Amino acid sequence: LYHDGWMAGTAVVRPPWDLLSPARDPLAFPWELYDLRHDWT
């Protein structure tokens, strides 16, 4: 979720080259937070 210069998102659980791994519970994904006003990348 982006809002007014901040970005909160889940940490990557399945790398995009891992195509066949079983699904995981998305509610268990850990979250991260980025202050895009000072950290553009």
PDB file of all heavy atoms in Angstrom:
ATOM      1  N   LEU A   1       0.859  -1.185   0.000  1.00  0.00           N
ATOM      2  CA  LEU A   1       0.000   0.000   0.000  1.00  0.00           C
ATOM      3  C   LEU A   1       0.892   1.232   0.000  1.00  0.00           C
ATOM      4  O   LEU A   1       1.721   1.412   0.915  1.00  0.00           O
ATOM      5  CB  LEU A   1      -0.923  -0.022   1.218  1.00  0.00           C
ATOM      6  CG  LEU A   1      -2.086   0.977   1.327  1.00  0.00           C
ATOM      7  CD1 LEU A   1      -1.655   2.393   1.647  1.00  0.00           C
ATOM      8  CD2 LEU A   1      -2.935   0.964   0.059  1.00  0.00           C
ATOM      9  N   TYR A   2       0.734   2.061  -1.037  1.00  0.00           N
ATOM     10  CA  TYR A   2       1.425   3.354  -1.083  1.00  0.00           C
ATOM     11  C   TYR A   2       0.473   4.421  -0.573  1.00  0.00           C
ATOM     12  O   TYR A   2      -0.703   4.468  -0.955  1.00  0.00           O
ATOM     13  CB  TYR A   2       1.837   3.697  -2.514  1.00  0.00           C
ATOM     14  CG  TYR A   2       2.279   5.143  -2.663  1.00  0.00           C
ATOM     15  CD1 TYR A   2       3.599   5.510  -2.418  1.00  0.00           C
ATOM     16  CD2 TYR A   2       1.361   6.142  -2.995  1.00  0.00           C
ATOM     17  CE1 TYR A   2       3.995   6.833  -2.521  1.00  0.00           C
ATOM     18  CE2 TYR A   2       1.755   7.472  -3.104  1.00  0.00           C
ATOM     19  CZ  TYR A   2       3.064   7.816  -2.856  1.00  0.00           C
ATOM     20  OH  TYR A   2       3.454   9.128  -2.947  1.00  0.00           O
ATOM     21  N   HIS A   3       0.996   5.324   0.273  1.00  0.00           N
ATOM     22  CA  HIS A   3       0.186   6.460   0.708  1.00  0.00           C
ATOM     23  C   HIS A   3       1.101   7.619   1.087  1.00  0.00           C
ATOM     24  O   HIS A   3       1.920   7.509   2.007  1.00  0.00           O
ATOM     25  CB  HIS A   3      -0.700   6.089   1.901  1.00  0.00           C
ATOM     26  CG  HIS A   3      -1.535   7.249   2.383  1.00  0.00           C
ATOM     27  ND1 HIS A   3      -2.574   7.776   1.646  1.00  0.00           N
ATOM     28  CD2 HIS A   3      -1.466   7.991   3.522  1.00  0.00           C
ATOM     29  CE1 HIS A   3      -3.111   8.783   2.311  1.00  0.00           C
ATOM     30  NE2 HIS A   3      -2.464   8.936   3.450  1.00  0.00           N
ATOM     31  N   ASP A   4       0.967   8.704   0.327  1.00  0.00           N
ATOM     32  CA  ASP A   4       1.577   9.982   0.689  1.00  0.00           C
ATOM     33  C   ASP A   4       3.063   9.851   1.043  1.00  0.00           C
ATOM     34  O   ASP A   4       3.529  10.341   2.069  1.00  0.00           O
ATOM     35  CB  ASP A   4       0.802  10.610   1.855  1.00  0.00           C
ATOM     36  CG  ASP A   4       1.122  12.087   2.019  1.00  0.00           C
ATOM     37  OD1 ASP A   4       1.584  12.704   1.045  1.00  0.00           O
ATOM     38  OD2 ASP A   4       0.911  12.618   3.132  1.00  0.00           O
ATOM     39  N   GLY A   5       3.815   9.154   0.176  1.00  0.00           N
ATOM     40  CA  GLY A   5       5.259   9.074   0.366  1.00  0.00           C
ATOM     41  C   GLY A   5       5.739   7.894   1.181  1.00  0.00           C
ATOM     42  O   GLY A   5       6.951   7.743   1.371  1.00  0.00           O
ATOM     43  N   TRP A   6       4.825   7.068   1.655  1.00  0.00           N
ATOM     44  CA  TRP A   6       5.200   5.871   2.399  1.00  0.00           C
ATOM     45  C   TRP A   6       4.727   4.627   1.644  1.00  0.00           C
ATOM     46  O   TRP A   6       3.727   4.663   0.938  1.00  0.00           O
ATOM     47  CB  TRP A   6       4.571   5.868   3.794  1.00  0.00           C
ATOM     48  CG  TRP A   6       5.112   6.912   4.721  1.00  0.00           C
ATOM     49  CD1 TRP A   6       4.752   8.217   4.785  1.00  0.00           C
ATOM     50  CD2 TRP A   6       6.119   6.720   5.721  1.00  0.00           C
ATOM     51  NE1 TRP A   6       5.460   8.872   5.762  1.00  0.00           N
ATOM     52  CE2 TRP A   6       6.312   7.972   6.364  1.00  0.00           C
ATOM     53  CE3 TRP A   6       6.877   5.634   6.157  1.00  0.00           C
ATOM     54  CZ2 TRP A   6       7.223   8.150   7.404  1.00  0.00           C
ATOM     55  CZ3 TRP A   6       7.781   5.803   7.197  1.00  0.00           C
ATOM     56  CH2 TRP A   6       7.945   7.048   7.797  1.00  0.00           C
ATOM     57  N   MET A   7       5.452   3.533   1.839  1.00  0.00           N
ATOM     58  CA  MET A   7       5.095   2.270   1.182  1.00  0.00           C
ATOM     59  C   MET A   7       5.239   1.136   2.190  1.00  0.00           C
ATOM     60  O   MET A   7       6.330   0.875   2.707  1.00  0.00           O
ATOM     61  CB  MET A   7       6.025   2.008  -0.004  1.00  0.00           C
ATOM     62  CG  MET A   7       5.677   0.781  -0.806  1.00  0.00           C
ATOM     63  SD  MET A   7       4.580   1.188  -2.169  1.00  0.00           S
ATOM     64  CE  MET A   7       4.869  -0.207  -3.262  1.00  0.00           C
ATOM     65  N   ALA A   8       4.125   0.495   2.485  1.00  0.00           N
ATOM     66  CA  ALA A   8       4.135  -0.700   3.328  1.00  0.00           C
ATOM     67  C   ALA A   8       3.847  -1.892   2.447  1.00  0.00           C
ATOM     68  O   ALA A   8       2.923  -1.858   1.620  1.00  0.00           O
ATOM     69  CB  ALA A   8       3.088  -0.590   4.438  1.00  0.00           C
ATOM     70  N   GLY A   9       4.623  -2.950   2.590  1.00  0.00           N
ATOM     71  CA  GLY A   9       4.413  -4.125   1.748  1.00  0.00           C
ATOM     72  C   GLY A   9       4.932  -5.381   2.402  1.00  0.00           C
ATOM     73  O   GLY A   9       5.707  -5.338   3.362  1.00  0.00           O
ATOM     74  N   THR A  10       4.524  -6.499   1.869  1.00  0.00           N
ATOM     75  CA  THR A  10       4.964  -7.771   2.426  1.00  0.00           C
ATOM     76  C   THR A  10       6.378  -8.099   1.944  1.00  0.00           C
ATOM     77  O   THR A  10       6.774  -7.734   0.830  1.00  0.00           O
ATOM     78  CB  THR A  10       4.015  -8.904   2.020  1.00  0.00           C
ATOM     79  OG1 THR A  10       3.830  -8.890   0.602  1.00  0.00           O
ATOM     80  CG2 THR A  10       2.664  -8.736   2.691  1.00  0.00           C
ATOM     81  N   ALA A  11       7.119  -8.786   2.799  1.00  0.00           N
ATOM     82  CA  ALA A  11       8.415  -9.309   2.388  1.00  0.00           C
ATOM     83  C   ALA A  11       8.193 -10.423   1.364  1.00  0.00           C
ATOM     84  O   ALA A  11       7.163 -11.094   1.371  1.00  0.00           O
ATOM     85  CB  ALA A  11       9.175  -9.835   3.604  1.00  0.00           C
ATOM     86  N   VAL A  12       9.161 -10.630   0.493  1.00  0.00           N
ATOM     87  CA  VAL A  12       9.012 -11.630  -0.556  1.00  0.00           C
ATOM     88  C   VAL A  12       9.201 -13.016   0.045  1.00  0.00           C
ATOM     89  O   VAL A  12      10.247 -13.322   0.626  1.00  0.00           O
ATOM     90  CB  VAL A  12      10.018 -11.386  -1.694  1.00  0.00           C
ATOM     91  CG1 VAL A  12       9.891 -12.469  -2.763  1.00  0.00           C
ATOM     92  CG2 VAL A  12       9.790  -9.997  -2.294  1.00  0.00           C
ATOM     93  N   VAL A  13       8.181 -13.847  -0.117  1.00  0.00           N
ATOM     94  CA  VAL A  13       8.190 -15.200   0.440  1.00  0.00           C
ATOM     95  C   VAL A  13       8.555 -16.229  -0.630  1.00  0.00           C
ATOM     96  O   VAL A  13       9.259 -17.189  -0.350  1.00  0.00           O
ATOM     97  CB  VAL A  13       6.812 -15.517   1.067  1.00  0.00           C
ATOM     98  CG1 VAL A  13       6.741 -16.969   1.513  1.00  0.00           C
ATOM     99  CG2 VAL A  13       6.531 -14.580   2.240  1.00  0.00           C
ATOM    100  N   ARG A  14       8.064 -16.022  -1.849  1.00  0.00           N
ATOM    101  CA  ARG A  14       8.389 -16.924  -2.954  1.00  0.00           C
ATOM    102  C   ARG A  14       9.086 -16.139  -4.050  1.00  0.00           C
ATOM    103  O   ARG A  14       8.495 -15.275  -4.685  1.00  0.00           O
ATOM    104  CB  ARG A  14       7.111 -17.554  -3.534  1.00  0.00           C
ATOM    105  CG  ARG A  14       7.371 -18.479  -4.725  1.00  0.00           C
ATOM    106  CD  ARG A  14       6.083 -18.860  -5.432  1.00  0.00           C
ATOM    107  NE  ARG A  14       5.378 -17.722  -5.986  1.00  0.00           N
ATOM    108  CZ  ARG A  14       5.681 -17.122  -7.134  1.00  0.00           C
ATOM    109  NH1 ARG A  14       6.712 -17.537  -7.849  1.00  0.00           N
ATOM    110  NH2 ARG A  14       4.972 -16.085  -7.555  1.00  0.00           N
ATOM    111  N   PRO A  15      10.383 -16.408  -4.307  1.00  0.00           N
ATOM    112  CA  PRO A  15      11.054 -15.714  -5.408  1.00  0.00           C
ATOM    113  C   PRO A  15      10.335 -15.997  -6.722  1.00  0.00           C
ATOM    114  O   PRO A  15       9.808 -17.097  -6.930  1.00  0.00           O
ATOM    115  CB  PRO A  15      12.460 -16.317  -5.403  1.00  0.00           C
ATOM    116  CG  PRO A  15      12.636 -16.890  -4.043  1.00  0.00           C
ATOM    117  CD  PRO A  15      11.285 -17.337  -3.608  1.00  0.00           C
ATOM    118  N   PRO A  16      10.319 -15.044  -7.641  1.00  0.00           N
ATOM    119  CA  PRO A  16       9.529 -15.211  -8.868  1.00  0.00           C
ATOM    120  C   PRO A  16      10.047 -16.276  -9.818  1.00  0.00           C
ATOM    121  O   PRO A  16       9.345 -16.638 -10.761  1.00  0.00           O
ATOM    122  CB  PRO A  16       9.580 -13.823  -9.511  1.00  0.00           C
ATOM    123  CG  PRO A  16      10.762 -13.147  -8.906  1.00  0.00           C
ATOM    124  CD  PRO A  16      10.890 -13.688  -7.532  1.00  0.00           C
ATOM    125  N   TRP A  17      11.264 -16.783  -9.598  1.00  0.00           N
ATOM    126  CA  TRP A  17      11.755 -17.876 -10.434  1.00  0.00           C
ATOM    127  C   TRP A  17      11.390 -19.227  -9.841  1.00  0.00           C
ATOM    128  O   TRP A  17      11.620 -20.259 -10.455  1.00  0.00           O
ATOM    129  CB  TRP A  17      13.265 -17.770 -10.626  1.00  0.00           C
ATOM    130  CG  TRP A  17      14.010 -17.542  -9.340  1.00  0.00           C
ATOM    131  CD1 TRP A  17      14.422 -18.483  -8.447  1.00  0.00           C
ATOM    132  CD2 TRP A  17      14.420 -16.274  -8.814  1.00  0.00           C
ATOM    133  NE1 TRP A  17      15.069 -17.892  -7.389  1.00  0.00           N
ATOM    134  CE2 TRP A  17      15.087 -16.530  -7.586  1.00  0.00           C
ATOM    135  CE3 TRP A  17      14.300 -14.958  -9.245  1.00  0.00           C
ATOM    136  CZ2 TRP A  17      15.612 -15.509  -6.799  1.00  0.00           C
ATOM    137  CZ3 TRP A  17      14.825 -13.946  -8.465  1.00  0.00           C
ATOM    138  CH2 TRP A  17      15.481 -14.228  -7.266  1.00  0.00           C
ATOM    139  N   ASP A  18      10.804 -19.228  -8.646  1.00  0.00           N
ATOM    140  CA  ASP A  18      10.333 -20.464  -8.012  1.00  0.00           C
ATOM    141  C   ASP A  18       8.869 -20.638  -8.401  1.00  0.00           C
ATOM    142  O   ASP A  18       7.970 -20.097  -7.763  1.00  0.00           O
ATOM    143  CB  ASP A  18      10.499 -20.355  -6.495  1.00  0.00           C
ATOM    144  CG  ASP A  18       9.990 -21.593  -5.761  1.00  0.00           C
ATOM    145  OD1 ASP A  18       9.630 -22.572  -6.436  1.00  0.00           O
ATOM    146  OD2 ASP A  18       9.938 -21.558  -4.516  1.00  0.00           O
ATOM    147  N   LEU A  19       8.627 -21.391  -9.469  1.00  0.00           N
ATOM    148  CA  LEU A  19       7.303 -21.419 -10.076  1.00  0.00           C
ATOM    149  C   LEU A  19       6.413 -22.549  -9.580  1.00  0.00           C
ATOM    150  O   LEU A  19       5.199 -22.509  -9.765  1.00  0.00           O
ATOM    151  CB  LEU A  19       7.443 -21.526 -11.599  1.00  0.00           C
ATOM    152  CG  LEU A  19       8.271 -20.424 -12.273  1.00  0.00           C
ATOM    153  CD1 LEU A  19       8.346 -20.668 -13.765  1.00  0.00           C
ATOM    154  CD2 LEU A  19       7.690 -19.049 -11.981  1.00  0.00           C
ATOM    155  N   LEU A  20       6.990 -23.568  -8.957  1.00  0.00           N
ATOM    156  CA  LEU A  20       6.206 -24.748  -8.625  1.00  0.00           C
ATOM    157  C   LEU A  20       6.022 -24.984  -7.135  1.00  0.00           C
ATOM    158  O   LEU A  20       5.404 -25.974  -6.749  1.00  0.00           O
ATOM    159  CB  LEU A  20       6.856 -25.995  -9.246  1.00  0.00           C
ATOM    160  CG  LEU A  20       6.441 -26.345 -10.676  1.00  0.00           C
ATOM    161  CD1 LEU A  20       7.211 -27.561 -11.165  1.00  0.00           C
ATOM    162  CD2 LEU A  20       4.949 -26.594 -10.777  1.00  0.00           C
ATOM    163  N   SER A  21       6.533 -24.086  -6.292  1.00  0.00           N
ATOM    164  CA  SER A  21       6.403 -24.331  -4.858  1.00  0.00           C
ATOM    165  C   SER A  21       4.940 -24.196  -4.431  1.00  0.00           C
ATOM    166  O   SER A  21       4.172 -23.439  -5.033  1.00  0.00           O
ATOM    167  CB  SER A  21       7.274 -23.360  -4.065  1.00  0.00           C
ATOM    168  OG  SER A  21       6.822 -22.038  -4.252  1.00  0.00           O
ATOM    169  N   PRO A  22       4.533 -24.911  -3.390  1.00  0.00           N
ATOM    170  CA  PRO A  22       3.137 -24.837  -2.942  1.00  0.00           C
ATOM    171  C   PRO A  22       2.780 -23.429  -2.464  1.00  0.00           C
ATOM    172  O   PRO A  22       3.644 -22.646  -2.050  1.00  0.00           O
ATOM    173  CB  PRO A  22       3.090 -25.837  -1.778  1.00  0.00           C
ATOM    174  CG  PRO A  22       4.279 -26.723  -1.967  1.00  0.00           C
ATOM    175  CD  PRO A  22       5.322 -25.879  -2.607  1.00  0.00           C
ATOM    176  N   ALA A  23       1.506 -23.128  -2.510  1.00  0.00           N
ATOM    177  CA  ALA A  23       1.029 -21.840  -2.000  1.00  0.00           C
ATOM    178  C   ALA A  23       1.237 -21.764  -0.496  1.00  0.00           C
ATOM    179  O   ALA A  23       1.193 -22.774   0.206  1.00  0.00           O
ATOM    180  CB  ALA A  23      -0.446 -21.661  -2.336  1.00  0.00           C
ATOM    181  N   ARG A  24       1.485 -20.551  -0.016  1.00  0.00           N
ATOM    182  CA  ARG A  24       1.644 -20.318   1.409  1.00  0.00           C
ATOM    183  C   ARG A  24       0.532 -19.399   1.885  1.00  0.00           C
ATOM    184  O   ARG A  24      -0.093 -18.704   1.087  1.00  0.00           O
ATOM    185  CB  ARG A  24       3.014 -19.699   1.700  1.00  0.00           C
ATOM    186  CG  ARG A  24       4.190 -20.602   1.344  1.00  0.00           C
ATOM    187  CD  ARG A  24       5.504 -19.863   1.424  1.00  0.00           C
ATOM    188  NE  ARG A  24       6.666 -20.701   1.250  1.00  0.00           N
ATOM    189  CZ  ARG A  24       7.182 -21.064   0.084  1.00  0.00           C
ATOM    190  NH1 ARG A  24       6.609 -20.639  -1.030  1.00  0.00           N
ATOM    191  NH2 ARG A  24       8.248 -21.826   0.017  1.00  0.00           N
ATOM    192  N   ASP A  25       0.315 -19.394   3.182  1.00  0.00           N
ATOM    193  CA  ASP A  25      -0.735 -18.565   3.753  1.00  0.00           C
ATOM    194  C   ASP A  25      -0.338 -17.097   3.629  1.00  0.00           C
ATOM    195  O   ASP A  25       0.586 -16.645   4.306  1.00  0.00           O
ATOM    196  CB  ASP A  25      -0.941 -18.926   5.218  1.00  0.00           C
ATOM    197  CG  ASP A  25      -2.024 -18.079   5.880  1.00  0.00           C
ATOM    198  OD1 ASP A  25      -2.687 -17.298   5.164  1.00  0.00           O
ATOM    199  OD2 ASP A  25      -2.209 -18.191   7.102  1.00  0.00           O
ATOM    200  N   PRO A  26      -1.006 -16.323   2.783  1.00  0.00           N
ATOM    201  CA  PRO A  26      -0.593 -14.926   2.602  1.00  0.00           C
ATOM    202  C   PRO A  26      -0.783 -14.082   3.858  1.00  0.00           C
ATOM    203  O   PRO A  26      -0.119 -13.046   4.006  1.00  0.00           O
ATOM    204  CB  PRO A  26      -1.490 -14.439   1.456  1.00  0.00           C
ATOM    205  CG  PRO A  26      -2.641 -15.367   1.419  1.00  0.00           C
ATOM    206  CD  PRO A  26      -2.130 -16.685   1.897  1.00  0.00           C
ATOM    207  N   LEU A  27      -1.643 -14.508   4.754  1.00  0.00           N
ATOM    208  CA  LEU A  27      -1.834 -13.746   5.993  1.00  0.00           C
ATOM    209  C   LEU A  27      -0.626 -13.857   6.914  1.00  0.00           C
ATOM    210  O   LEU A  27      -0.483 -13.053   7.849  1.00  0.00           O
ATOM    211  CB  LEU A  27      -3.093 -14.213   6.714  1.00  0.00           C
ATOM    212  CG  LEU A  27      -4.405 -14.053   5.944  1.00  0.00           C
ATOM    213  CD1 LEU A  27      -5.580 -14.503   6.796  1.00  0.00           C
ATOM    214  CD2 LEU A  27      -4.597 -12.605   5.493  1.00  0.00           C
ATOM    215  N   ALA A  28       0.233 -14.843   6.645  1.00  0.00           N
ATOM    216  CA  ALA A  28       1.431 -15.028   7.473  1.00  0.00           C
ATOM    217  C   ALA A  28       2.646 -14.299   6.911  1.00  0.00           C
ATOM    218  O   ALA A  28       3.711 -14.322   7.534  1.00  0.00           O
ATOM    219  CB  ALA A  28       1.733 -16.515   7.619  1.00  0.00           C
ATOM    220  N   PHE A  29       2.518 -13.634   5.770  1.00  0.00           N
ATOM    221  CA  PHE A  29       3.657 -12.931   5.189  1.00  0.00           C
ATOM    222  C   PHE A  29       4.074 -11.775   6.102  1.00  0.00           C
ATOM    223  O   PHE A  29       3.226 -10.978   6.518  1.00  0.00           O
ATOM    224  CB  PHE A  29       3.304 -12.353   3.822  1.00  0.00           C
ATOM    225  CG  PHE A  29       3.079 -13.374   2.727  1.00  0.00           C
ATOM    226  CD1 PHE A  29       3.090 -14.730   2.996  1.00  0.00           C
ATOM    227  CD2 PHE A  29       2.851 -12.964   1.431  1.00  0.00           C
ATOM    228  CE1 PHE A  29       2.869 -15.668   2.001  1.00  0.00           C
ATOM    229  CE2 PHE A  29       2.632 -13.885   0.416  1.00  0.00           C
ATOM    230  CZ  PHE A  29       2.641 -15.253   0.709  1.00  0.00           C
ATOM    231  N   PRO A  30       5.359 -11.639   6.417  1.00  0.00           N
ATOM    232  CA  PRO A  30       5.806 -10.479   7.205  1.00  0.00           C
ATOM    233  C   PRO A  30       5.734  -9.201   6.382  1.00  0.00           C
ATOM    234  O   PRO A  30       5.770  -9.237   5.148  1.00  0.00           O
ATOM    235  CB  PRO A  30       7.252 -10.832   7.564  1.00  0.00           C
ATOM    236  CG  PRO A  30       7.686 -11.799   6.508  1.00  0.00           C
ATOM    237  CD  PRO A  30       6.466 -12.566   6.100  1.00  0.00           C
ATOM    238  N   TRP A  31       5.648  -8.056   7.065  1.00  0.00           N
ATOM    239  CA  TRP A  31       5.513  -6.764   6.395  1.00  0.00           C
ATOM    240  C   TRP A  31       6.782  -5.935   6.571  1.00  0.00           C
ATOM    241  O   TRP A  31       7.516  -6.076   7.548  1.00  0.00           O
ATOM    242  CB  TRP A  31       4.328  -5.986   6.958  1.00  0.00           C
ATOM    243  CG  TRP A  31       2.995  -6.448   6.435  1.00  0.00           C
ATOM    244  CD1 TRP A  31       2.350  -7.610   6.750  1.00  0.00           C
ATOM    245  CD2 TRP A  31       2.152  -5.750   5.508  1.00  0.00           C
ATOM    246  NE1 TRP A  31       1.154  -7.691   6.075  1.00  0.00           N
ATOM    247  CE2 TRP A  31       1.001  -6.563   5.312  1.00  0.00           C
ATOM    248  CE3 TRP A  31       2.236  -4.541   4.834  1.00  0.00           C
ATOM    249  CZ2 TRP A  31      -0.035  -6.196   4.462  1.00  0.00           C
ATOM    250  CZ3 TRP A  31       1.203  -4.160   3.993  1.00  0.00           C
ATOM    251  CH2 TRP A  31       0.083  -4.987   3.803  1.00  0.00           C
ATOM    252  N   GLU A  32       6.992  -5.055   5.598  1.00  0.00           N
ATOM    253  CA  GLU A  32       8.092  -4.091   5.626  1.00  0.00           C
ATOM    254  C   GLU A  32       7.516  -2.690   5.425  1.00  0.00           C
ATOM    255  O   GLU A  32       6.367  -2.533   4.988  1.00  0.00           O
ATOM    256  CB  GLU A  32       9.108  -4.402   4.530  1.00  0.00           C
ATOM    257  CG  GLU A  32       9.734  -5.781   4.632  1.00  0.00           C
ATOM    258  CD  GLU A  32      10.579  -6.160   3.432  1.00  0.00           C
ATOM    259  OE1 GLU A  32      10.429  -5.504   2.371  1.00  0.00           O
ATOM    260  OE2 GLU A  32      11.370  -7.108   3.538  1.00  0.00           O
ATOM    261  N   LEU A  33       8.326  -1.685   5.734  1.00  0.00           N
ATOM    262  CA  LEU A  33       7.887  -0.293   5.578  1.00  0.00           C
ATOM    263  C   LEU A  33       9.045   0.541   5.028  1.00  0.00           C
ATOM    264  O   LEU A  33      10.184   0.416   5.488  1.00  0.00           O
ATOM    265  CB  LEU A  33       7.436   0.276   6.934  1.00  0.00           C
ATOM    266  CG  LEU A  33       6.969   1.732   6.930  1.00  0.00           C
ATOM    267  CD1 LEU A  33       5.645   1.865   6.174  1.00  0.00           C
ATOM    268  CD2 LEU A  33       6.821   2.253   8.370  1.00  0.00           C
ATOM    269  N   TYR A  34       8.718   1.392   4.053  1.00  0.00           N
ATOM    270  CA  TYR A  34       9.734   2.242   3.428  1.00  0.00           C
ATOM    271  C   TYR A  34       9.243   3.686   3.396  1.00  0.00           C
ATOM    272  O   TYR A  34       8.093   3.952   3.044  1.00  0.00           O
ATOM    273  CB  TYR A  34      10.045   1.756   2.009  1.00  0.00           C
ATOM    274  CG  TYR A  34      10.618   0.370   1.985  1.00  0.00           C
ATOM    275  CD1 TYR A  34       9.792  -0.738   1.787  1.00  0.00           C
ATOM    276  CD2 TYR A  34      11.982   0.157   2.190  1.00  0.00           C
ATOM    277  CE1 TYR A  34      10.318  -2.022   1.785  1.00  0.00           C
ATOM    278  CE2 TYR A  34      12.512  -1.122   2.190  1.00  0.00           C
ATOM    279  CZ  TYR A  34      11.670  -2.215   1.985  1.00  0.00           C
ATOM    280  OH  TYR A  34      12.204  -3.477   1.997  1.00  0.00           O
ATOM    281  N   ASP A  35      10.142   4.604   3.752  1.00  0.00           N
ATOM    282  CA  ASP A  35       9.866   6.033   3.688  1.00  0.00           C
ATOM    283  C   ASP A  35      10.406   6.547   2.360  1.00  0.00           C
ATOM    284  O   ASP A  35      11.580   6.904   2.243  1.00  0.00           O
ATOM    285  CB  ASP A  35      10.533   6.742   4.871  1.00  0.00           C
ATOM    286  CG  ASP A  35      10.229   8.235   4.895  1.00  0.00           C
ATOM    287  OD1 ASP A  35       9.554   8.728   3.960  1.00  0.00           O
ATOM    288  OD2 ASP A  35      10.684   8.909   5.843  1.00  0.00           O
ATOM    289  N   LEU A  36       9.544   6.579   1.354  1.00  0.00           N
ATOM    290  CA  LEU A  36       9.987   6.914   0.005  1.00  0.00           C
ATOM    291  C   LEU A  36      10.375   8.373  -0.141  1.00  0.00           C
ATOM    292  O   LEU A  36      11.048   8.741  -1.115  1.00  0.00           O
ATOM    293  CB  LEU A  36       8.881   6.573  -1.002  1.00  0.00           C
ATOM    294  CG  LEU A  36       8.417   5.112  -1.012  1.00  0.00           C
ATOM    295  CD1 LEU A  36       7.294   4.925  -2.021  1.00  0.00           C
ATOM    296  CD2 LEU A  36       9.569   4.161  -1.314  1.00  0.00           C
ATOM    297  N   ARG A  37      10.013   9.196   0.809  1.00  0.00           N
ATOM    298  CA  ARG A  37      10.392  10.611   0.750  1.00  0.00           C
ATOM    299  C   ARG A  37      11.902  10.760   0.853  1.00  0.00           C
ATOM    300  O   ARG A  37      12.488  11.699   0.294  1.00  0.00           O
ATOM    301  CB  ARG A  37       9.712  11.382   1.873  1.00  0.00           C
ATOM    302  CG  ARG A  37       8.185  11.315   1.836  1.00  0.00           C
ATOM    303  CD  ARG A  37       7.603  11.844   3.123  1.00  0.00           C
ATOM    304  NE  ARG A  37       8.123  11.128   4.286  1.00  0.00           N
ATOM    305  CZ  ARG A  37       7.894  11.466   5.558  1.00  0.00           C
ATOM    306  NH1 ARG A  37       7.150  12.540   5.819  1.00  0.00           N
ATOM    307  NH2 ARG A  37       8.398  10.772   6.534  1.00  0.00           N
ATOM    308  N   HIS A  38      12.535   9.822   1.578  1.00  0.00           N
ATOM    309  CA  HIS A  38      13.982   9.869   1.770  1.00  0.00           C
ATOM    310  C   HIS A  38      14.688   8.613   1.257  1.00  0.00           C
ATOM    311  O   HIS A  38      15.917   8.524   1.332  1.00  0.00           O
ATOM    312  CB  HIS A  38      14.305  10.049   3.263  1.00  0.00           C
ATOM    313  CG  HIS A  38      13.596  11.214   3.890  1.00  0.00           C
ATOM    314  ND1 HIS A  38      12.512  11.076   4.729  1.00  0.00           N
ATOM    315  CD2 HIS A  38      13.786  12.550   3.749  1.00  0.00           C
ATOM    316  CE1 HIS A  38      12.083  12.279   5.104  1.00  0.00           C
ATOM    317  NE2 HIS A  38      12.839  13.187   4.516  1.00  0.00           N
ATOM    318  N   ASP A  39      13.910   7.670   0.779  1.00  0.00           N
ATOM    319  CA  ASP A  39      14.471   6.390   0.334  1.00  0.00           C
ATOM    320  C   ASP A  39      13.725   5.961  -0.926  1.00  0.00           C
ATOM    321  O   ASP A  39      12.830   5.128  -0.899  1.00  0.00           O
ATOM    322  CB  ASP A  39      14.324   5.338   1.446  1.00  0.00           C
ATOM    323  CG  ASP A  39      14.844   3.976   1.053  1.00  0.00           C
ATOM    324  OD1 ASP A  39      15.629   3.887   0.085  1.00  0.00           O
ATOM    325  OD2 ASP A  39      14.448   2.971   1.695  1.00  0.00           O
ATOM    326  N   TRP A  40      14.119   6.548  -2.048  1.00  0.00           N
ATOM    327  CA  TRP A  40      13.379   6.415  -3.301  1.00  0.00           C
ATOM    328  C   TRP A  40      13.371   4.994  -3.843  1.00  0.00           C
ATOM    329  O   TRP A  40      12.469   4.600  -4.583  1.00  0.00           O
ATOM    330  CB  TRP A  40      14.009   7.366  -4.325  1.00  0.00           C
ATOM    331  CG  TRP A  40      13.172   7.647  -5.526  1.00  0.00           C
ATOM    332  CD1 TRP A  40      12.096   8.484  -5.619  1.00  0.00           C
ATOM    333  CD2 TRP A  40      13.379   7.109  -6.837  1.00  0.00           C
ATOM    334  NE1 TRP A  40      11.615   8.500  -6.903  1.00  0.00           N
ATOM    335  CE2 TRP A  40      12.385   7.663  -7.678  1.00  0.00           C
ATOM    336  CE3 TRP A  40      14.304   6.222  -7.394  1.00  0.00           C
ATOM    337  CZ2 TRP A  40      12.290   7.354  -9.027  1.00  0.00           C
ATOM    338  CZ3 TRP A  40      14.212   5.918  -8.742  1.00  0.00           C
ATOM    339  CH2 TRP A  40      13.214   6.479  -9.540  1.00  0.00           C
ATOM    340  N   THR A  41      14.367   4.188  -3.477  1.00  0.00           N
ATOM    341  CA  THR A  41      14.526   2.851  -4.064  1.00  0.00           C
ATOM    342  C   THR A  41      14.123   1.725  -3.119  1.00  0.00           C
ATOM    343  O   THR A  41      14.349   0.557  -3.442  1.00  0.00           O
ATOM    344  CB  THR A  41      15.982   2.626  -4.486  1.00  0.00           C
ATOM    345  OG1 THR A  41      16.830   2.733  -3.335  1.00  0.00           O
ATOM    346  CG2 THR A  41      16.412   3.626  -5.542  1.00  0.00           C
TER     347      THR A  41
END
